[in-house]
Amino acid sequence: GESYTWDNIYLWCTPRWNLSLFPTIKLTTRLPTDPRIIPPSDWSYRLYLDYVPAGIVYNGPYEWDLMDMLYSNRKYVEFPAFVSTTGLDGYRFHITVTAIPEPTTLLPLAGAAITAGVIWRRRQR
């Protein structure tokens, strides 16, 4: 299916963040309450960690299935907190959303491909 990627998504804490009280930050997933904006469940939503800030020890994971997180008991990902004044040196992610076609939409495409192949073969003779 078709994909779209959003790049350069940053996660960081402001300088006012209290590291002694909150040494980690959690990236959570939640379903929207408005049913008009609930994402299709048959699409793929992948989050990738592209950059870990200098001085931070993080051993993974580096890729997540966001729909799996929504519907499982694992609702968040936890990172060591990183304080930044600009955020541009914080954790950097990208998200890729892929529309996965339903099997019923693949049947007409397969039929069209077979028909085109038969027509092409007849013209070759």
N, C-alpha and C. Protein backbone atom coordinates (compact mmCIF):
# COMPACT_ATOMS: atom_id res chain seq x y z
N GLY A 1 0.81 -1.19 0.00
CA GLY A 1 0.00 0.00 0.00
C GLY A 1 0.85 1.25 0.00
N GLU A 2 0.20 2.37 -0.08
CA GLU A 2 0.90 3.65 -0.06
C GLU A 2 1.35 3.99 1.35
N SER A 3 2.49 4.69 1.44
CA SER A 3 3.04 5.09 2.74
C SER A 3 3.29 6.59 2.77
N TYR A 4 3.24 7.13 3.98
CA TYR A 4 3.63 8.52 4.20
C TYR A 4 4.48 8.54 5.47
N THR A 5 5.55 9.32 5.43
CA THR A 5 6.47 9.41 6.57
C THR A 5 6.56 10.84 7.07
N TRP A 6 6.47 11.00 8.38
CA TRP A 6 6.72 12.28 9.03
C TRP A 6 8.08 12.18 9.70
N ASP A 7 8.99 13.06 9.31
CA ASP A 7 10.36 13.05 9.82
C ASP A 7 10.56 14.10 10.91
N ASN A 8 11.68 13.98 11.59
CA ASN A 8 12.14 14.99 12.55
C ASN A 8 11.09 15.32 13.62
N ILE A 9 10.65 14.29 14.31
CA ILE A 9 9.76 14.45 15.46
C ILE A 9 10.64 14.36 16.70
N TYR A 10 10.64 15.40 17.51
CA TYR A 10 11.57 15.48 18.64
C TYR A 10 10.86 15.28 19.97
N LEU A 11 11.59 14.70 20.91
CA LEU A 11 11.11 14.49 22.28
C LEU A 11 12.22 14.96 23.23
N TRP A 12 11.88 15.87 24.15
CA TRP A 12 12.85 16.37 25.11
C TRP A 12 12.09 16.98 26.29
N CYS A 13 12.83 17.36 27.31
CA CYS A 13 12.27 18.02 28.49
C CYS A 13 12.76 19.47 28.51
N THR A 14 11.92 20.36 29.00
CA THR A 14 12.31 21.76 29.11
C THR A 14 13.32 21.92 30.25
N PRO A 15 14.06 23.03 30.27
CA PRO A 15 15.04 23.24 31.34
C PRO A 15 14.42 23.25 32.75
N ARG A 16 13.12 23.48 32.85
CA ARG A 16 12.46 23.48 34.16
C ARG A 16 12.11 22.07 34.65
N TRP A 17 12.40 21.05 33.84
CA TRP A 17 12.10 19.66 34.19
C TRP A 17 12.92 19.25 35.41
N ASN A 18 12.29 18.62 36.38
CA ASN A 18 12.98 18.19 37.59
C ASN A 18 13.48 16.75 37.40
N LEU A 19 14.75 16.62 37.03
CA LEU A 19 15.33 15.30 36.75
C LEU A 19 15.38 14.40 37.98
N SER A 20 15.52 15.00 39.18
CA SER A 20 15.59 14.16 40.37
C SER A 20 14.23 13.53 40.69
N LEU A 21 13.14 14.24 40.40
CA LEU A 21 11.80 13.68 40.62
C LEU A 21 11.32 12.82 39.46
N PHE A 22 11.70 13.21 38.24
CA PHE A 22 11.23 12.52 37.03
C PHE A 22 12.42 12.19 36.13
N PRO A 23 13.14 11.11 36.44
CA PRO A 23 14.34 10.78 35.65
C PRO A 23 14.03 10.17 34.28
N THR A 24 12.75 9.84 34.04
CA THR A 24 12.38 9.28 32.74
C THR A 24 11.19 10.04 32.17
N ILE A 25 11.01 9.90 30.86
CA ILE A 25 9.82 10.43 30.20
C ILE A 25 9.15 9.28 29.47
N LYS A 26 7.82 9.35 29.41
CA LYS A 26 7.06 8.28 28.77
C LYS A 26 6.37 8.81 27.52
N LEU A 27 6.53 8.08 26.45
CA LEU A 27 5.83 8.36 25.21
C LEU A 27 4.65 7.40 25.18
N THR A 28 3.42 7.95 25.24
CA THR A 28 2.24 7.10 25.37
C THR A 28 1.42 7.09 24.09
N THR A 29 0.59 6.06 23.95
CA THR A 29 -0.36 5.99 22.84
C THR A 29 -1.75 5.89 23.43
N ARG A 30 -2.67 6.65 22.84
CA ARG A 30 -4.06 6.62 23.29
C ARG A 30 -4.97 6.74 22.07
N LEU A 31 -6.10 6.06 22.14
CA LEU A 31 -7.09 6.21 21.08
C LEU A 31 -7.81 7.54 21.24
N PRO A 32 -8.06 8.24 20.14
CA PRO A 32 -8.84 9.48 20.23
C PRO A 32 -10.25 9.18 20.73
N THR A 33 -10.85 10.14 21.42
CA THR A 33 -12.21 9.95 21.91
C THR A 33 -13.24 10.25 20.83
N ASP A 34 -12.88 11.04 19.84
CA ASP A 34 -13.79 11.36 18.74
C ASP A 34 -13.74 10.24 17.71
N PRO A 35 -14.84 9.51 17.49
CA PRO A 35 -14.80 8.36 16.57
C PRO A 35 -14.48 8.75 15.12
N ARG A 36 -14.64 10.02 14.77
CA ARG A 36 -14.34 10.44 13.39
C ARG A 36 -12.85 10.47 13.10
N ILE A 37 -12.01 10.47 14.14
CA ILE A 37 -10.56 10.55 13.90
C ILE A 37 -9.81 9.32 14.41
N ILE A 38 -10.53 8.24 14.69
CA ILE A 38 -9.86 7.00 15.09
C ILE A 38 -9.16 6.42 13.86
N PRO A 39 -7.88 6.12 13.96
CA PRO A 39 -7.14 5.63 12.80
C PRO A 39 -7.63 4.24 12.37
N PRO A 40 -7.64 3.99 11.06
CA PRO A 40 -8.04 2.65 10.59
C PRO A 40 -7.13 1.58 11.19
N SER A 41 -7.72 0.53 11.73
CA SER A 41 -6.93 -0.49 12.42
C SER A 41 -6.21 -1.42 11.46
N ASP A 42 -6.57 -1.40 10.17
CA ASP A 42 -5.90 -2.28 9.22
C ASP A 42 -4.72 -1.58 8.53
N TRP A 43 -4.35 -0.41 8.98
CA TRP A 43 -3.17 0.28 8.46
C TRP A 43 -1.99 -0.02 9.38
N SER A 44 -0.79 0.24 8.89
CA SER A 44 0.43 0.04 9.68
C SER A 44 0.92 1.41 10.16
N TYR A 45 1.18 1.52 11.45
CA TYR A 45 1.69 2.75 12.06
C TYR A 45 2.98 2.40 12.78
N ARG A 46 4.12 2.79 12.23
CA ARG A 46 5.43 2.43 12.79
C ARG A 46 6.15 3.68 13.26
N LEU A 47 6.68 3.62 14.48
CA LEU A 47 7.48 4.70 15.06
C LEU A 47 8.92 4.22 15.13
N TYR A 48 9.84 5.05 14.65
CA TYR A 48 11.26 4.70 14.63
C TYR A 48 12.06 5.75 15.40
N LEU A 49 12.95 5.30 16.26
CA LEU A 49 13.87 6.19 16.96
C LEU A 49 15.13 6.30 16.11
N ASP A 50 15.40 7.52 15.63
CA ASP A 50 16.53 7.75 14.72
C ASP A 50 17.77 8.28 15.42
N TYR A 51 17.58 8.96 16.56
CA TYR A 51 18.72 9.60 17.23
C TYR A 51 18.48 9.62 18.73
N VAL A 52 19.50 9.24 19.47
CA VAL A 52 19.50 9.32 20.93
C VAL A 52 20.47 10.43 21.31
N PRO A 53 20.06 11.37 22.18
CA PRO A 53 20.93 12.49 22.53
C PRO A 53 22.27 12.04 23.11
N ALA A 54 23.28 12.85 22.84
CA ALA A 54 24.62 12.57 23.37
C ALA A 54 24.57 12.51 24.89
N GLY A 55 25.25 11.54 25.46
CA GLY A 55 25.31 11.39 26.91
C GLY A 55 24.20 10.54 27.50
N ILE A 56 23.23 10.15 26.69
CA ILE A 56 22.13 9.31 27.16
C ILE A 56 22.44 7.85 26.85
N VAL A 57 22.24 6.99 27.84
CA VAL A 57 22.42 5.55 27.62
C VAL A 57 21.04 4.96 27.38
N TYR A 58 20.83 4.48 26.17
CA TYR A 58 19.55 3.85 25.80
C TYR A 58 19.87 2.63 24.94
N ASN A 59 19.36 1.48 25.35
CA ASN A 59 19.69 0.23 24.67
C ASN A 59 18.55 -0.35 23.84
N GLY A 60 17.58 0.46 23.50
CA GLY A 60 16.50 -0.01 22.63
C GLY A 60 15.25 -0.35 23.41
N PRO A 61 14.20 -0.63 22.69
CA PRO A 61 14.10 -0.84 21.25
C PRO A 61 14.14 0.46 20.46
N TYR A 62 14.22 0.34 19.14
CA TYR A 62 14.32 1.50 18.26
C TYR A 62 13.17 1.57 17.26
N GLU A 63 12.25 0.63 17.36
CA GLU A 63 11.10 0.60 16.44
C GLU A 63 9.89 0.04 17.18
N TRP A 64 8.70 0.65 16.92
CA TRP A 64 7.48 0.23 17.60
C TRP A 64 6.32 0.18 16.62
N ASP A 65 5.43 -0.75 16.85
CA ASP A 65 4.15 -0.83 16.14
C ASP A 65 3.14 -0.11 17.02
N LEU A 66 2.70 1.07 16.61
CA LEU A 66 1.83 1.88 17.47
C LEU A 66 0.46 1.25 17.67
N MET A 67 -0.07 0.55 16.67
CA MET A 67 -1.37 -0.11 16.86
C MET A 67 -1.25 -1.24 17.88
N ASP A 68 -0.13 -1.94 17.85
CA ASP A 68 0.11 -2.99 18.84
C ASP A 68 0.14 -2.38 20.24
N MET A 69 0.77 -1.21 20.36
CA MET A 69 0.82 -0.54 21.66
C MET A 69 -0.58 -0.12 22.11
N LEU A 70 -1.41 0.34 21.18
CA LEU A 70 -2.76 0.78 21.54
C LEU A 70 -3.60 -0.35 22.11
N TYR A 71 -3.46 -1.52 21.53
CA TYR A 71 -4.35 -2.62 21.89
C TYR A 71 -3.70 -3.67 22.79
N SER A 72 -2.51 -3.41 23.28
CA SER A 72 -1.86 -4.34 24.19
C SER A 72 -1.74 -3.70 25.57
N ASN A 73 -1.15 -4.40 26.49
CA ASN A 73 -0.94 -3.85 27.83
C ASN A 73 0.22 -2.88 27.88
N ARG A 74 1.04 -2.85 26.84
CA ARG A 74 2.21 -1.96 26.80
C ARG A 74 1.79 -0.65 26.14
N LYS A 75 1.34 0.30 26.94
CA LYS A 75 0.78 1.54 26.42
C LYS A 75 1.79 2.67 26.27
N TYR A 76 3.03 2.46 26.69
CA TYR A 76 4.00 3.54 26.61
C TYR A 76 5.41 3.00 26.41
N VAL A 77 6.29 3.90 25.98
CA VAL A 77 7.72 3.62 25.88
C VAL A 77 8.41 4.61 26.80
N GLU A 78 9.36 4.13 27.57
CA GLU A 78 10.03 4.98 28.56
C GLU A 78 11.47 5.25 28.13
N PHE A 79 11.87 6.53 28.24
CA PHE A 79 13.22 6.95 27.87
C PHE A 79 13.86 7.70 29.04
N PRO A 80 15.18 7.64 29.16
CA PRO A 80 15.86 8.51 30.12
C PRO A 80 15.57 9.97 29.75
N ALA A 81 15.22 10.78 30.74
CA ALA A 81 14.88 12.18 30.47
C ALA A 81 16.10 12.92 29.93
N PHE A 82 15.84 13.82 28.99
CA PHE A 82 16.90 14.64 28.41
C PHE A 82 16.41 16.08 28.37
N VAL A 83 17.15 16.97 29.03
CA VAL A 83 16.79 18.38 29.09
C VAL A 83 17.48 19.13 27.96
N SER A 84 16.70 20.00 27.30
CA SER A 84 17.24 20.78 26.18
C SER A 84 16.57 22.15 26.14
N THR A 85 17.30 23.14 25.69
CA THR A 85 16.71 24.48 25.54
C THR A 85 16.02 24.64 24.20
N THR A 86 16.44 23.89 23.18
CA THR A 86 15.83 24.03 21.86
C THR A 86 15.03 22.79 21.45
N GLY A 87 15.37 21.64 21.99
CA GLY A 87 14.71 20.40 21.59
C GLY A 87 15.33 19.75 20.38
N LEU A 88 16.09 20.50 19.60
CA LEU A 88 16.67 19.96 18.37
C LEU A 88 17.80 18.99 18.62
N ASP A 89 18.24 18.90 19.87
CA ASP A 89 19.27 17.91 20.21
C ASP A 89 18.69 16.79 21.07
N GLY A 90 17.34 16.71 21.12
CA GLY A 90 16.67 15.66 21.88
C GLY A 90 16.52 14.39 21.06
N TYR A 91 15.72 13.47 21.57
CA TYR A 91 15.43 12.24 20.84
C TYR A 91 14.76 12.63 19.52
N ARG A 92 15.15 11.97 18.43
CA ARG A 92 14.53 12.26 17.13
C ARG A 92 13.90 10.98 16.57
N PHE A 93 12.67 11.11 16.11
CA PHE A 93 11.89 9.99 15.60
C PHE A 93 11.37 10.28 14.20
N HIS A 94 10.87 9.24 13.56
CA HIS A 94 10.01 9.40 12.40
C HIS A 94 8.90 8.35 12.48
N ILE A 95 7.76 8.69 11.90
CA ILE A 95 6.60 7.80 11.87
C ILE A 95 6.26 7.51 10.42
N THR A 96 6.02 6.24 10.12
CA THR A 96 5.57 5.85 8.79
C THR A 96 4.21 5.18 8.91
N VAL A 97 3.25 5.71 8.14
CA VAL A 97 1.90 5.15 8.08
C VAL A 97 1.73 4.52 6.71
N THR A 98 1.31 3.26 6.69
CA THR A 98 1.11 2.55 5.43
C THR A 98 -0.31 2.03 5.37
N ALA A 99 -1.00 2.39 4.28
CA ALA A 99 -2.35 1.89 4.05
C ALA A 99 -2.23 0.49 3.46
N ILE A 100 -2.69 -0.49 4.18
CA ILE A 100 -2.62 -1.88 3.72
C ILE A 100 -3.94 -2.20 3.04
N PRO A 101 -3.91 -2.51 1.73
CA PRO A 101 -5.18 -2.78 1.04
C PRO A 101 -5.86 -4.04 1.57
N GLU A 102 -7.18 -3.99 1.61
CA GLU A 102 -7.95 -5.16 2.03
C GLU A 102 -7.82 -6.24 0.97
N PRO A 103 -7.91 -7.51 1.36
CA PRO A 103 -7.83 -8.59 0.37
C PRO A 103 -8.88 -8.47 -0.73
N THR A 104 -10.06 -7.92 -0.40
CA THR A 104 -11.10 -7.79 -1.43
C THR A 104 -10.72 -6.78 -2.50
N THR A 105 -9.87 -5.80 -2.17
CA THR A 105 -9.43 -4.85 -3.20
C THR A 105 -8.32 -5.44 -4.04
N LEU A 106 -7.64 -6.46 -3.56
CA LEU A 106 -6.58 -7.09 -4.35
C LEU A 106 -7.15 -7.98 -5.45
N LEU A 107 -8.34 -8.55 -5.25
CA LEU A 107 -8.93 -9.43 -6.26
C LEU A 107 -9.19 -8.71 -7.57
N PRO A 108 -9.83 -7.53 -7.58
CA PRO A 108 -10.02 -6.83 -8.86
C PRO A 108 -8.69 -6.46 -9.51
N LEU A 109 -7.69 -6.10 -8.71
CA LEU A 109 -6.38 -5.77 -9.28
C LEU A 109 -5.75 -6.99 -9.93
N ALA A 110 -5.86 -8.14 -9.29
CA ALA A 110 -5.31 -9.38 -9.86
C ALA A 110 -6.06 -9.73 -11.14
N GLY A 111 -7.38 -9.58 -11.13
CA GLY A 111 -8.18 -9.85 -12.33
C GLY A 111 -7.80 -8.94 -13.48
N ALA A 112 -7.59 -7.66 -13.18
CA ALA A 112 -7.19 -6.71 -14.22
C ALA A 112 -5.82 -7.07 -14.78
N ALA A 113 -4.90 -7.49 -13.92
CA ALA A 113 -3.56 -7.86 -14.38
C ALA A 113 -3.62 -9.10 -15.27
N ILE A 114 -4.44 -10.08 -14.90
CA ILE A 114 -4.58 -11.29 -15.72
C ILE A 114 -5.19 -10.95 -17.06
N THR A 115 -6.24 -10.12 -17.06
CA THR A 115 -6.88 -9.71 -18.31
C THR A 115 -5.90 -8.98 -19.21
N ALA A 116 -5.13 -8.07 -18.65
CA ALA A 116 -4.14 -7.34 -19.43
C ALA A 116 -3.10 -8.30 -20.00
N GLY A 117 -2.71 -9.30 -19.23
CA GLY A 117 -1.74 -10.29 -19.71
C GLY A 117 -2.29 -11.10 -20.86
N VAL A 118 -3.57 -11.50 -20.77
CA VAL A 118 -4.20 -12.27 -21.85
C VAL A 118 -4.28 -11.43 -23.12
N ILE A 119 -4.71 -10.18 -22.99
CA ILE A 119 -4.80 -9.29 -24.16
C ILE A 119 -3.43 -9.09 -24.78
N TRP A 120 -2.42 -8.87 -23.97
CA TRP A 120 -1.06 -8.66 -24.48
C TRP A 120 -0.57 -9.90 -25.20
N ARG A 121 -0.84 -11.07 -24.63
CA ARG A 121 -0.39 -12.34 -25.24
C ARG A 121 -1.09 -12.56 -26.59
N ARG A 122 -2.39 -12.23 -26.69
CA ARG A 122 -3.11 -12.40 -27.96
C ARG A 122 -2.57 -11.46 -29.02
N ARG A 123 -2.16 -10.27 -28.62
CA ARG A 123 -1.60 -9.31 -29.59
C ARG A 123 -0.24 -9.77 -30.08
N GLN A 124 0.47 -10.51 -29.25
CA GLN A 124 1.79 -11.02 -29.63
C GLN A 124 1.69 -12.07 -30.73
N ARG A 125 0.59 -12.80 -30.78
CA ARG A 125 0.41 -13.87 -31.77
C ARG A 125 0.09 -13.30 -33.07
